[in-house]
Amino acid sequence: MNKNFIRARDLGLAGCHICDQIVRLGDHSAAKCPRCNATVHYRKPDSINRSWAFLISAFIMYIPANTEAIMVTGALGQKSSDTIISGILYFLAHGDWPLALVIFSASVLLPLLKIMAITYLLIMVQRGSTLRQKEKTRLYLIAEVMGRWSMVDVFVVAILAALIQMGELSSIKPGPAGMAFAAMVILTMFSAMAFDPKLIWDQSEKNQ
């Protein structure tokens, strides 16, 4: 172990994953947090497997979220459906490229980047890589924060469905992609929560 620093684990201390309360574990593998009564571990139990399970499920949901109809529009007895991609193309064709860019970034690009970021971190941890550990930690923090901003389309469809209900004249209903998209976003958030960023640093400490 590097003599220049002492880990909390070396002192028998661990932080609660829920409320960040410092708890003394000593030689025990788990203990109850005195503040929120959550179970505290030195490392999140089965972190890699749980993170992979949520991540693979999120990627499966990513496909129907972008290929199925997210919104079904009815006007004068006629119905039409739009996917996220067709909506982006519609705005581009009508010159609304800023709105198309926002939808593409929030609904297509950000979820995919988050999936790729967590995949990269999981692979690097499993390979025992010790390269660019600070950058990997920052990447995890960015991935954890940006995932929640991917719900723009779901909020827009929910608001339109609530406001535009005029019987046969005009109506908007959420399509099957809405549920898949919401599930995908939630699963990526769970994947990031299940991943323990302390694992990024464990390998270098083992080597030392």
N, C-alpha and C. Protein backbone atom coordinates (compact mmCIF):
# COMPACT_ATOMS: atom_id res chain seq x y z
N MET A 1 0.84 -1.20 0.00
CA MET A 1 0.00 0.00 0.00
C MET A 1 0.87 1.25 0.00
N ASN A 2 0.42 2.26 -0.73
CA ASN A 2 1.15 3.52 -0.80
C ASN A 2 1.19 4.18 0.57
N LYS A 3 2.39 4.56 1.03
CA LYS A 3 2.53 5.15 2.35
C LYS A 3 2.08 6.60 2.41
N ASN A 4 1.79 7.20 1.26
CA ASN A 4 1.45 8.62 1.23
C ASN A 4 -0.01 8.90 1.57
N PHE A 5 -0.82 7.88 1.62
CA PHE A 5 -2.22 8.10 1.96
C PHE A 5 -2.78 6.90 2.72
N ILE A 6 -3.84 7.15 3.45
CA ILE A 6 -4.52 6.09 4.19
C ILE A 6 -5.98 6.09 3.77
N ARG A 7 -6.46 4.94 3.38
CA ARG A 7 -7.86 4.82 2.97
C ARG A 7 -8.77 4.73 4.20
N ALA A 8 -10.02 5.13 3.99
CA ALA A 8 -11.01 4.97 5.05
C ALA A 8 -11.16 3.50 5.41
N ARG A 9 -11.03 2.65 4.37
CA ARG A 9 -11.16 1.22 4.61
C ARG A 9 -10.07 0.69 5.53
N ASP A 10 -8.86 1.29 5.43
CA ASP A 10 -7.76 0.88 6.30
C ASP A 10 -8.05 1.21 7.76
N LEU A 11 -8.92 2.20 7.99
CA LEU A 11 -9.30 2.59 9.35
C LEU A 11 -10.60 1.93 9.80
N GLY A 12 -11.13 1.03 8.95
CA GLY A 12 -12.37 0.34 9.29
C GLY A 12 -13.60 1.19 9.09
N LEU A 13 -13.52 2.23 8.23
CA LEU A 13 -14.64 3.14 8.01
C LEU A 13 -15.20 2.97 6.60
N ALA A 14 -16.50 3.22 6.46
CA ALA A 14 -17.17 3.17 5.16
C ALA A 14 -18.29 4.20 5.14
N GLY A 15 -18.59 4.71 3.95
CA GLY A 15 -19.66 5.68 3.79
C GLY A 15 -20.96 5.01 3.40
N CYS A 16 -22.05 5.45 3.99
CA CYS A 16 -23.37 4.92 3.65
C CYS A 16 -23.71 5.31 2.20
N HIS A 17 -24.21 4.36 1.41
CA HIS A 17 -24.54 4.61 0.02
C HIS A 17 -25.80 5.47 -0.12
N ILE A 18 -26.57 5.60 0.95
CA ILE A 18 -27.82 6.36 0.89
C ILE A 18 -27.65 7.78 1.39
N CYS A 19 -27.13 7.95 2.60
CA CYS A 19 -27.07 9.29 3.21
C CYS A 19 -25.64 9.79 3.45
N ASP A 20 -24.62 9.02 3.05
CA ASP A 20 -23.21 9.40 3.17
C ASP A 20 -22.70 9.47 4.60
N GLN A 21 -23.45 8.93 5.54
CA GLN A 21 -22.97 8.87 6.93
C GLN A 21 -21.76 7.94 7.03
N ILE A 22 -20.72 8.36 7.75
CA ILE A 22 -19.54 7.53 7.96
C ILE A 22 -19.84 6.51 9.06
N VAL A 23 -19.62 5.24 8.75
CA VAL A 23 -19.95 4.15 9.67
C VAL A 23 -18.69 3.31 9.88
N ARG A 24 -18.47 2.90 11.14
CA ARG A 24 -17.32 2.04 11.45
C ARG A 24 -17.73 0.59 11.26
N LEU A 25 -17.02 -0.08 10.31
CA LEU A 25 -17.30 -1.49 10.06
C LEU A 25 -16.28 -2.41 10.73
N GLY A 26 -15.05 -1.93 10.81
CA GLY A 26 -14.01 -2.77 11.38
C GLY A 26 -13.76 -3.99 10.51
N ASP A 27 -13.80 -5.16 11.12
CA ASP A 27 -13.59 -6.41 10.39
C ASP A 27 -14.88 -6.97 9.81
N HIS A 28 -15.99 -6.31 10.05
CA HIS A 28 -17.27 -6.79 9.55
C HIS A 28 -17.45 -6.40 8.09
N SER A 29 -18.17 -7.22 7.34
CA SER A 29 -18.41 -6.93 5.92
C SER A 29 -19.59 -6.00 5.72
N ALA A 30 -20.44 -5.84 6.74
CA ALA A 30 -21.62 -4.97 6.61
C ALA A 30 -22.05 -4.51 7.99
N ALA A 31 -22.77 -3.39 8.02
CA ALA A 31 -23.31 -2.85 9.27
C ALA A 31 -24.50 -1.96 8.92
N LYS A 32 -25.30 -1.64 9.93
CA LYS A 32 -26.46 -0.78 9.73
C LYS A 32 -26.07 0.68 9.94
N CYS A 33 -26.55 1.54 9.06
CA CYS A 33 -26.29 2.97 9.20
C CYS A 33 -27.12 3.51 10.35
N PRO A 34 -26.52 4.21 11.30
CA PRO A 34 -27.29 4.74 12.44
C PRO A 34 -28.23 5.88 12.03
N ARG A 35 -28.01 6.49 10.87
CA ARG A 35 -28.85 7.61 10.45
C ARG A 35 -30.08 7.14 9.68
N CYS A 36 -29.88 6.31 8.64
CA CYS A 36 -31.01 5.93 7.78
C CYS A 36 -31.34 4.44 7.84
N ASN A 37 -30.58 3.68 8.62
CA ASN A 37 -30.80 2.25 8.83
C ASN A 37 -30.53 1.41 7.58
N ALA A 38 -29.85 1.98 6.59
CA ALA A 38 -29.48 1.21 5.41
C ALA A 38 -28.28 0.33 5.73
N THR A 39 -28.11 -0.74 4.95
CA THR A 39 -26.97 -1.63 5.11
C THR A 39 -25.74 -1.01 4.44
N VAL A 40 -24.65 -0.90 5.18
CA VAL A 40 -23.43 -0.27 4.69
C VAL A 40 -22.37 -1.34 4.44
N HIS A 41 -21.71 -1.25 3.26
CA HIS A 41 -20.63 -2.16 2.89
C HIS A 41 -19.40 -1.33 2.49
N TYR A 42 -18.24 -1.98 2.52
CA TYR A 42 -17.04 -1.31 1.99
C TYR A 42 -17.20 -1.07 0.49
N ARG A 43 -17.78 -2.03 -0.20
CA ARG A 43 -18.08 -1.93 -1.63
C ARG A 43 -19.51 -2.38 -1.86
N LYS A 44 -20.16 -1.79 -2.86
CA LYS A 44 -21.53 -2.21 -3.18
C LYS A 44 -21.52 -3.69 -3.55
N PRO A 45 -22.36 -4.50 -2.91
CA PRO A 45 -22.32 -5.96 -3.16
C PRO A 45 -22.75 -6.29 -4.59
N ASP A 46 -21.98 -7.19 -5.21
CA ASP A 46 -22.27 -7.68 -6.57
C ASP A 46 -22.47 -6.53 -7.56
N SER A 47 -21.65 -5.51 -7.40
CA SER A 47 -21.82 -4.27 -8.16
C SER A 47 -21.73 -4.50 -9.67
N ILE A 48 -20.71 -5.21 -10.13
CA ILE A 48 -20.49 -5.36 -11.57
C ILE A 48 -21.61 -6.15 -12.22
N ASN A 49 -22.02 -7.26 -11.63
CA ASN A 49 -23.08 -8.08 -12.21
C ASN A 49 -24.41 -7.34 -12.28
N ARG A 50 -24.74 -6.63 -11.20
CA ARG A 50 -26.00 -5.89 -11.19
C ARG A 50 -25.97 -4.76 -12.21
N SER A 51 -24.83 -4.08 -12.32
CA SER A 51 -24.71 -2.98 -13.28
C SER A 51 -24.83 -3.50 -14.71
N TRP A 52 -24.18 -4.64 -15.01
CA TRP A 52 -24.30 -5.24 -16.34
C TRP A 52 -25.75 -5.63 -16.64
N ALA A 53 -26.44 -6.21 -15.67
CA ALA A 53 -27.82 -6.64 -15.89
C ALA A 53 -28.72 -5.46 -16.24
N PHE A 54 -28.61 -4.37 -15.48
CA PHE A 54 -29.41 -3.18 -15.79
C PHE A 54 -29.01 -2.58 -17.13
N LEU A 55 -27.72 -2.59 -17.44
CA LEU A 55 -27.23 -1.97 -18.66
C LEU A 55 -27.69 -2.73 -19.90
N ILE A 56 -27.61 -4.05 -19.87
CA ILE A 56 -28.07 -4.86 -21.01
C ILE A 56 -29.57 -4.69 -21.21
N SER A 57 -30.32 -4.66 -20.12
CA SER A 57 -31.76 -4.43 -20.21
C SER A 57 -32.07 -3.06 -20.81
N ALA A 58 -31.28 -2.05 -20.43
CA ALA A 58 -31.47 -0.70 -20.98
C ALA A 58 -31.20 -0.68 -22.47
N PHE A 59 -30.16 -1.38 -22.92
CA PHE A 59 -29.84 -1.41 -24.35
C PHE A 59 -30.95 -2.10 -25.14
N ILE A 60 -31.53 -3.16 -24.57
CA ILE A 60 -32.65 -3.84 -25.23
C ILE A 60 -33.83 -2.88 -25.38
N MET A 61 -34.11 -2.08 -24.35
CA MET A 61 -35.20 -1.11 -24.41
C MET A 61 -34.89 0.05 -25.35
N TYR A 62 -33.60 0.32 -25.58
CA TYR A 62 -33.19 1.44 -26.45
C TYR A 62 -33.67 1.22 -27.88
N ILE A 63 -33.73 -0.04 -28.32
CA ILE A 63 -34.12 -0.33 -29.70
C ILE A 63 -35.58 0.00 -29.96
N PRO A 64 -36.56 -0.56 -29.21
CA PRO A 64 -37.95 -0.16 -29.47
C PRO A 64 -38.24 1.29 -29.13
N ALA A 65 -37.46 1.88 -28.22
CA ALA A 65 -37.67 3.29 -27.88
C ALA A 65 -37.45 4.19 -29.08
N ASN A 66 -36.58 3.78 -30.00
CA ASN A 66 -36.27 4.60 -31.16
C ASN A 66 -36.90 4.12 -32.46
N THR A 67 -37.44 2.90 -32.46
CA THR A 67 -38.04 2.37 -33.69
C THR A 67 -39.57 2.34 -33.65
N GLU A 68 -40.16 2.23 -32.46
CA GLU A 68 -41.62 2.22 -32.33
C GLU A 68 -42.16 3.65 -32.25
N ALA A 69 -43.46 3.76 -32.40
CA ALA A 69 -44.11 5.08 -32.35
C ALA A 69 -44.14 5.60 -30.92
N ILE A 70 -43.67 6.83 -30.75
CA ILE A 70 -43.70 7.44 -29.42
C ILE A 70 -44.95 8.29 -29.24
N MET A 71 -45.59 8.67 -30.37
CA MET A 71 -46.78 9.52 -30.28
C MET A 71 -47.73 9.16 -31.42
N VAL A 72 -49.00 8.98 -31.09
CA VAL A 72 -50.04 8.68 -32.07
C VAL A 72 -50.98 9.88 -32.14
N THR A 73 -51.05 10.49 -33.30
CA THR A 73 -51.84 11.71 -33.49
C THR A 73 -53.09 11.40 -34.30
N GLY A 74 -54.23 11.88 -33.83
CA GLY A 74 -55.49 11.73 -34.55
C GLY A 74 -56.06 13.09 -34.93
N ALA A 75 -56.45 13.25 -36.18
CA ALA A 75 -57.02 14.51 -36.66
C ALA A 75 -58.08 14.22 -37.71
N LEU A 76 -59.33 14.64 -37.44
CA LEU A 76 -60.44 14.45 -38.37
C LEU A 76 -60.61 12.98 -38.76
N GLY A 77 -60.49 12.11 -37.78
CA GLY A 77 -60.71 10.69 -38.01
C GLY A 77 -59.52 9.94 -38.56
N GLN A 78 -58.46 10.63 -38.90
CA GLN A 78 -57.27 9.96 -39.44
C GLN A 78 -56.17 9.93 -38.38
N LYS A 79 -55.47 8.81 -38.32
CA LYS A 79 -54.42 8.65 -37.32
C LYS A 79 -53.06 8.51 -37.99
N SER A 80 -52.06 9.06 -37.34
CA SER A 80 -50.68 8.93 -37.80
C SER A 80 -49.78 8.75 -36.58
N SER A 81 -48.69 8.06 -36.78
CA SER A 81 -47.76 7.80 -35.68
C SER A 81 -46.39 8.33 -36.04
N ASP A 82 -45.66 8.75 -35.01
CA ASP A 82 -44.32 9.29 -35.20
C ASP A 82 -43.34 8.64 -34.23
N THR A 83 -42.18 8.27 -34.76
CA THR A 83 -41.09 7.81 -33.92
C THR A 83 -40.22 9.02 -33.56
N ILE A 84 -39.27 8.81 -32.67
CA ILE A 84 -38.36 9.91 -32.31
C ILE A 84 -37.57 10.36 -33.53
N ILE A 85 -37.10 9.40 -34.33
CA ILE A 85 -36.31 9.74 -35.51
C ILE A 85 -37.15 10.49 -36.54
N SER A 86 -38.39 10.04 -36.77
CA SER A 86 -39.23 10.73 -37.74
C SER A 86 -39.58 12.14 -37.27
N GLY A 87 -39.71 12.32 -35.97
CA GLY A 87 -39.95 13.67 -35.44
C GLY A 87 -38.75 14.58 -35.68
N ILE A 88 -37.55 14.04 -35.48
CA ILE A 88 -36.34 14.82 -35.73
C ILE A 88 -36.25 15.21 -37.20
N LEU A 89 -36.53 14.25 -38.09
CA LEU A 89 -36.48 14.53 -39.53
C LEU A 89 -37.54 15.55 -39.93
N TYR A 90 -38.71 15.49 -39.27
CA TYR A 90 -39.78 16.45 -39.56
C TYR A 90 -39.33 17.88 -39.23
N PHE A 91 -38.74 18.06 -38.07
CA PHE A 91 -38.28 19.40 -37.67
C PHE A 91 -37.15 19.89 -38.57
N LEU A 92 -36.27 18.97 -38.98
CA LEU A 92 -35.19 19.37 -39.89
C LEU A 92 -35.75 19.81 -41.24
N ALA A 93 -36.76 19.08 -41.74
CA ALA A 93 -37.34 19.41 -43.03
C ALA A 93 -38.05 20.76 -43.02
N HIS A 94 -38.53 21.18 -41.86
CA HIS A 94 -39.23 22.45 -41.74
C HIS A 94 -38.33 23.56 -41.20
N GLY A 95 -37.03 23.30 -41.16
CA GLY A 95 -36.08 24.34 -40.78
C GLY A 95 -35.93 24.57 -39.29
N ASP A 96 -36.57 23.74 -38.45
CA ASP A 96 -36.45 23.89 -37.00
C ASP A 96 -35.27 23.05 -36.49
N TRP A 97 -34.07 23.34 -36.99
CA TRP A 97 -32.92 22.53 -36.61
C TRP A 97 -32.52 22.67 -35.14
N PRO A 98 -32.72 23.85 -34.48
CA PRO A 98 -32.38 23.88 -33.04
C PRO A 98 -33.22 22.90 -32.23
N LEU A 99 -34.53 22.82 -32.53
CA LEU A 99 -35.39 21.89 -31.81
C LEU A 99 -35.03 20.46 -32.15
N ALA A 100 -34.71 20.20 -33.42
CA ALA A 100 -34.29 18.87 -33.83
C ALA A 100 -33.00 18.46 -33.12
N LEU A 101 -32.10 19.41 -32.95
CA LEU A 101 -30.84 19.14 -32.27
C LEU A 101 -31.05 18.81 -30.80
N VAL A 102 -31.96 19.55 -30.16
CA VAL A 102 -32.26 19.30 -28.74
C VAL A 102 -32.85 17.90 -28.57
N ILE A 103 -33.81 17.54 -29.43
CA ILE A 103 -34.45 16.23 -29.31
C ILE A 103 -33.45 15.12 -29.60
N PHE A 104 -32.63 15.31 -30.64
CA PHE A 104 -31.63 14.29 -30.99
C PHE A 104 -30.63 14.11 -29.85
N SER A 105 -30.18 15.22 -29.27
CA SER A 105 -29.19 15.14 -28.20
C SER A 105 -29.76 14.47 -26.95
N ALA A 106 -30.97 14.89 -26.55
CA ALA A 106 -31.55 14.40 -25.30
C ALA A 106 -32.11 12.98 -25.42
N SER A 107 -32.67 12.65 -26.59
CA SER A 107 -33.40 11.39 -26.71
C SER A 107 -32.64 10.29 -27.42
N VAL A 108 -31.66 10.63 -28.24
CA VAL A 108 -30.92 9.62 -28.99
C VAL A 108 -29.46 9.56 -28.55
N LEU A 109 -28.79 10.72 -28.53
CA LEU A 109 -27.35 10.74 -28.29
C LEU A 109 -27.00 10.51 -26.82
N LEU A 110 -27.65 11.24 -25.90
CA LEU A 110 -27.29 11.12 -24.48
C LEU A 110 -27.49 9.71 -23.92
N PRO A 111 -28.64 9.06 -24.18
CA PRO A 111 -28.79 7.68 -23.67
C PRO A 111 -27.73 6.74 -24.22
N LEU A 112 -27.42 6.89 -25.52
CA LEU A 112 -26.41 6.01 -26.12
C LEU A 112 -25.03 6.28 -25.52
N LEU A 113 -24.69 7.55 -25.32
CA LEU A 113 -23.39 7.89 -24.72
C LEU A 113 -23.29 7.36 -23.30
N LYS A 114 -24.38 7.44 -22.55
CA LYS A 114 -24.36 6.93 -21.17
C LYS A 114 -24.17 5.42 -21.16
N ILE A 115 -24.85 4.71 -22.06
CA ILE A 115 -24.69 3.26 -22.14
C ILE A 115 -23.24 2.92 -22.49
N MET A 116 -22.66 3.65 -23.45
CA MET A 116 -21.28 3.40 -23.86
C MET A 116 -20.31 3.72 -22.72
N ALA A 117 -20.57 4.80 -21.96
CA ALA A 117 -19.68 5.18 -20.88
C ALA A 117 -19.66 4.13 -19.77
N ILE A 118 -20.85 3.66 -19.38
CA ILE A 118 -20.90 2.64 -18.31
C ILE A 118 -20.30 1.32 -18.80
N THR A 119 -20.55 0.99 -20.08
CA THR A 119 -19.95 -0.22 -20.65
C THR A 119 -18.42 -0.15 -20.59
N TYR A 120 -17.87 1.00 -20.96
CA TYR A 120 -16.42 1.20 -20.92
C TYR A 120 -15.88 1.04 -19.50
N LEU A 121 -16.56 1.65 -18.52
CA LEU A 121 -16.10 1.56 -17.14
C LEU A 121 -16.15 0.13 -16.63
N LEU A 122 -17.21 -0.59 -16.95
CA LEU A 122 -17.33 -1.97 -16.49
C LEU A 122 -16.23 -2.85 -17.10
N ILE A 123 -15.96 -2.66 -18.40
CA ILE A 123 -14.92 -3.46 -19.05
C ILE A 123 -13.55 -3.15 -18.46
N MET A 124 -13.27 -1.87 -18.23
CA MET A 124 -11.98 -1.49 -17.67
C MET A 124 -11.78 -2.03 -16.25
N VAL A 125 -12.84 -2.02 -15.45
CA VAL A 125 -12.74 -2.55 -14.08
C VAL A 125 -12.52 -4.06 -14.12
N GLN A 126 -13.24 -4.75 -15.00
CA GLN A 126 -13.09 -6.20 -15.08
C GLN A 126 -11.72 -6.61 -15.62
N ARG A 127 -11.12 -5.76 -16.46
CA ARG A 127 -9.78 -6.04 -16.98
C ARG A 127 -8.68 -5.64 -15.99
N GLY A 128 -9.07 -4.96 -14.91
CA GLY A 128 -8.08 -4.53 -13.92
C GLY A 128 -7.21 -3.39 -14.39
N SER A 129 -7.75 -2.55 -15.27
CA SER A 129 -6.97 -1.43 -15.82
C SER A 129 -6.72 -0.37 -14.75
N THR A 130 -5.50 0.18 -14.75
CA THR A 130 -5.15 1.25 -13.80
C THR A 130 -4.85 2.56 -14.53
N LEU A 131 -5.20 2.65 -15.80
CA LEU A 131 -4.92 3.84 -16.60
C LEU A 131 -6.02 4.89 -16.40
N ARG A 132 -5.61 6.15 -16.32
CA ARG A 132 -6.52 7.30 -16.30
C ARG A 132 -7.67 7.12 -15.31
N GLN A 133 -7.32 6.82 -14.08
CA GLN A 133 -8.36 6.55 -13.07
C GLN A 133 -9.15 7.81 -12.71
N LYS A 134 -8.49 8.96 -12.65
CA LYS A 134 -9.21 10.20 -12.37
C LYS A 134 -10.21 10.51 -13.48
N GLU A 135 -9.79 10.31 -14.74
CA GLU A 135 -10.68 10.56 -15.87
C GLU A 135 -11.87 9.61 -15.86
N LYS A 136 -11.63 8.36 -15.48
CA LYS A 136 -12.72 7.38 -15.39
C LYS A 136 -13.71 7.78 -14.31
N THR A 137 -13.19 8.27 -13.19
CA THR A 137 -14.08 8.71 -12.11
C THR A 137 -14.94 9.89 -12.57
N ARG A 138 -14.31 10.84 -13.28
CA ARG A 138 -15.08 11.98 -13.81
C ARG A 138 -16.12 11.50 -14.82
N LEU A 139 -15.75 10.54 -15.65
CA LEU A 139 -16.68 9.99 -16.64
C LEU A 139 -17.89 9.37 -15.95
N TYR A 140 -17.64 8.66 -14.85
CA TYR A 140 -18.76 8.07 -14.10
C TYR A 140 -19.68 9.15 -13.55
N LEU A 141 -19.11 10.20 -12.98
CA LEU A 141 -19.92 11.28 -12.42
C LEU A 141 -20.76 11.97 -13.50
N ILE A 142 -20.16 12.18 -14.68
CA ILE A 142 -20.89 12.79 -15.79
C ILE A 142 -22.02 11.88 -16.25
N ALA A 143 -21.73 10.57 -16.38
CA ALA A 143 -22.75 9.62 -16.82
C ALA A 143 -23.90 9.54 -15.83
N GLU A 144 -23.58 9.63 -14.54
CA GLU A 144 -24.62 9.56 -13.51
C GLU A 144 -25.54 10.78 -13.56
N VAL A 145 -24.99 11.94 -13.89
CA VAL A 145 -25.77 13.17 -13.90
C VAL A 145 -26.59 13.31 -15.18
N MET A 146 -26.01 12.98 -16.33
CA MET A 146 -26.66 13.31 -17.59
C MET A 146 -27.83 12.40 -17.93
N GLY A 147 -27.93 11.23 -17.30
CA GLY A 147 -29.00 10.30 -17.66
C GLY A 147 -30.40 10.83 -17.44
N ARG A 148 -30.59 11.60 -16.37
CA ARG A 148 -31.93 12.08 -16.03
C ARG A 148 -32.46 13.11 -17.03
N TRP A 149 -31.58 13.71 -17.85
CA TRP A 149 -32.00 14.71 -18.82
C TRP A 149 -32.53 14.08 -20.10
N SER A 150 -32.60 12.76 -20.17
CA SER A 150 -33.05 12.08 -21.38
C SER A 150 -34.57 11.91 -21.44
N MET A 151 -35.29 12.43 -20.46
CA MET A 151 -36.74 12.23 -20.41
C MET A 151 -37.52 13.34 -21.10
N VAL A 152 -36.86 14.14 -21.94
CA VAL A 152 -37.53 15.27 -22.57
C VAL A 152 -38.72 14.82 -23.40
N ASP A 153 -38.52 13.81 -24.26
CA ASP A 153 -39.60 13.34 -25.13
C ASP A 153 -40.78 12.82 -24.33
N VAL A 154 -40.50 12.08 -23.25
CA VAL A 154 -41.58 11.52 -22.44
C VAL A 154 -42.41 12.64 -21.82
N PHE A 155 -41.75 13.69 -21.31
CA PHE A 155 -42.47 14.82 -20.73
C PHE A 155 -43.30 15.56 -21.79
N VAL A 156 -42.72 15.75 -22.98
CA VAL A 156 -43.44 16.46 -24.05
C VAL A 156 -44.69 15.70 -24.46
N VAL A 157 -44.56 14.39 -24.67
CA VAL A 157 -45.71 13.58 -25.06
C VAL A 157 -46.77 13.57 -23.96
N ALA A 158 -46.34 13.48 -22.71
CA ALA A 158 -47.30 13.48 -21.60
C ALA A 158 -48.07 14.79 -21.53
N ILE A 159 -47.38 15.91 -21.72
CA ILE A 159 -48.04 17.22 -21.68
C ILE A 159 -49.01 17.38 -22.85
N LEU A 160 -48.57 16.99 -24.07
CA LEU A 160 -49.44 17.11 -25.23
C LEU A 160 -50.66 16.20 -25.12
N ALA A 161 -50.47 14.99 -24.60
CA ALA A 161 -51.58 14.06 -24.43
C ALA A 161 -52.61 14.60 -23.44
N ALA A 162 -52.13 15.33 -22.44
CA ALA A 162 -53.04 15.90 -21.45
C ALA A 162 -53.78 17.13 -21.99
N LEU A 163 -53.12 17.90 -22.84
CA LEU A 163 -53.70 19.16 -23.32
C LEU A 163 -54.58 19.00 -24.55
N ILE A 164 -54.18 18.13 -25.47
CA ILE A 164 -54.87 18.03 -26.76
C ILE A 164 -55.72 16.77 -26.79
N GLN A 165 -56.94 16.91 -26.36
CA GLN A 165 -57.93 15.84 -26.41
C GLN A 165 -59.26 16.45 -26.84
N MET A 166 -59.49 16.44 -28.17
CA MET A 166 -60.69 17.08 -28.72
C MET A 166 -61.51 16.07 -29.52
N GLY A 167 -61.61 14.87 -29.01
CA GLY A 167 -62.43 13.85 -29.65
C GLY A 167 -61.92 13.48 -31.03
N GLU A 168 -62.85 13.46 -32.01
CA GLU A 168 -62.49 13.10 -33.38
C GLU A 168 -61.75 14.22 -34.10
N LEU A 169 -61.86 15.45 -33.59
CA LEU A 169 -61.20 16.57 -34.26
C LEU A 169 -59.69 16.49 -34.13
N SER A 170 -59.21 16.29 -32.93
CA SER A 170 -57.77 16.22 -32.71
C SER A 170 -57.47 15.54 -31.38
N SER A 171 -56.50 14.67 -31.39
CA SER A 171 -56.10 13.99 -30.15
C SER A 171 -54.67 13.49 -30.29
N ILE A 172 -54.01 13.41 -29.17
CA ILE A 172 -52.64 12.89 -29.12
C ILE A 172 -52.56 11.86 -28.00
N LYS A 173 -52.03 10.70 -28.34
CA LYS A 173 -51.87 9.63 -27.36
C LYS A 173 -50.44 9.12 -27.37
N PRO A 174 -49.92 8.71 -26.22
CA PRO A 174 -48.56 8.15 -26.19
C PRO A 174 -48.51 6.80 -26.89
N GLY A 175 -47.43 6.56 -27.62
CA GLY A 175 -47.23 5.29 -28.30
C GLY A 175 -46.44 4.31 -27.46
N PRO A 176 -46.25 3.09 -27.97
CA PRO A 176 -45.52 2.06 -27.19
C PRO A 176 -44.07 2.43 -26.91
N ALA A 177 -43.49 3.30 -27.74
CA ALA A 177 -42.09 3.68 -27.50
C ALA A 177 -41.93 4.50 -26.22
N GLY A 178 -43.00 5.15 -25.78
CA GLY A 178 -42.92 5.96 -24.57
C GLY A 178 -42.54 5.13 -23.36
N MET A 179 -43.21 3.98 -23.20
CA MET A 179 -42.90 3.10 -22.08
C MET A 179 -41.49 2.52 -22.20
N ALA A 180 -41.12 2.13 -23.43
CA ALA A 180 -39.78 1.58 -23.64
C ALA A 180 -38.71 2.62 -23.35
N PHE A 181 -38.97 3.87 -23.76
CA PHE A 181 -38.00 4.94 -23.54
C PHE A 181 -37.84 5.24 -22.06
N ALA A 182 -38.96 5.34 -21.35
CA ALA A 182 -38.90 5.60 -19.90
C ALA A 182 -38.19 4.46 -19.18
N ALA A 183 -38.48 3.21 -19.59
CA ALA A 183 -37.81 2.06 -18.97
C ALA A 183 -36.31 2.09 -19.24
N MET A 184 -35.93 2.49 -20.47
CA MET A 184 -34.52 2.55 -20.82
C MET A 184 -33.78 3.57 -19.97
N VAL A 185 -34.37 4.75 -19.79
CA VAL A 185 -33.73 5.79 -18.99
C VAL A 185 -33.60 5.35 -17.53
N ILE A 186 -34.65 4.77 -16.99
CA ILE A 186 -34.62 4.32 -15.59
C ILE A 186 -33.59 3.21 -15.39
N LEU A 187 -33.51 2.29 -16.36
CA LEU A 187 -32.55 1.19 -16.25
C LEU A 187 -31.11 1.68 -16.32
N THR A 188 -30.84 2.69 -17.15
CA THR A 188 -29.48 3.24 -17.20
C THR A 188 -29.14 3.95 -15.89
N MET A 189 -30.13 4.60 -15.28
CA MET A 189 -29.90 5.24 -13.98
C MET A 189 -29.61 4.18 -12.92
N PHE A 190 -30.36 3.08 -12.94
CA PHE A 190 -30.11 1.99 -12.00
C PHE A 190 -28.73 1.37 -12.22
N SER A 191 -28.32 1.27 -13.49
CA SER A 191 -27.01 0.71 -13.81
C SER A 191 -25.89 1.58 -13.23
N ALA A 192 -26.03 2.89 -13.38
CA ALA A 192 -25.04 3.81 -12.83
C ALA A 192 -25.04 3.76 -11.30
N MET A 193 -26.22 3.63 -10.70
CA MET A 193 -26.30 3.56 -9.24
C MET A 193 -25.70 2.26 -8.71
N ALA A 194 -25.84 1.17 -9.49
CA ALA A 194 -25.32 -0.13 -9.04
C ALA A 194 -23.80 -0.19 -9.14
N PHE A 195 -23.23 0.58 -10.07
CA PHE A 195 -21.77 0.57 -10.25
C PHE A 195 -21.10 1.30 -9.09
N ASP A 196 -20.05 0.70 -8.56
CA ASP A 196 -19.30 1.31 -7.46
C ASP A 196 -18.02 1.92 -8.02
N PRO A 197 -17.91 3.26 -8.07
CA PRO A 197 -16.70 3.89 -8.65
C PRO A 197 -15.43 3.60 -7.87
N LYS A 198 -15.55 3.14 -6.63
CA LYS A 198 -14.35 2.78 -5.86
C LYS A 198 -13.61 1.61 -6.50
N LEU A 199 -14.34 0.81 -7.29
CA LEU A 199 -13.70 -0.32 -7.95
C LEU A 199 -12.65 0.13 -8.96
N ILE A 200 -12.80 1.36 -9.47
CA ILE A 200 -11.83 1.91 -10.42
C ILE A 200 -10.45 1.99 -9.79
N TRP A 201 -10.41 2.25 -8.47
CA TRP A 201 -9.13 2.47 -7.78
C TRP A 201 -8.61 1.21 -7.09
N ASP A 202 -9.42 0.18 -6.99
CA ASP A 202 -9.03 -1.01 -6.21
C ASP A 202 -7.83 -1.73 -6.81
N GLN A 203 -7.77 -1.82 -8.14
CA GLN A 203 -6.72 -2.60 -8.77
C GLN A 203 -5.33 -2.02 -8.51
N SER A 204 -5.22 -0.67 -8.58
CA SER A 204 -3.91 -0.06 -8.35
C SER A 204 -3.46 -0.27 -6.91
N GLU A 205 -4.42 -0.27 -5.97
CA GLU A 205 -4.07 -0.50 -4.57
C GLU A 205 -3.64 -1.95 -4.34
N LYS A 206 -4.25 -2.88 -5.11
CA LYS A 206 -3.83 -4.28 -5.02
C LYS A 206 -2.40 -4.45 -5.54
N ASN A 207 -2.11 -3.73 -6.64
CA ASN A 207 -0.77 -3.83 -7.21
C ASN A 207 0.29 -3.27 -6.25
N GLN A 208 -0.07 -2.18 -5.56
CA GLN A 208 0.87 -1.59 -4.62
C GLN A 208 1.08 -2.46 -3.40
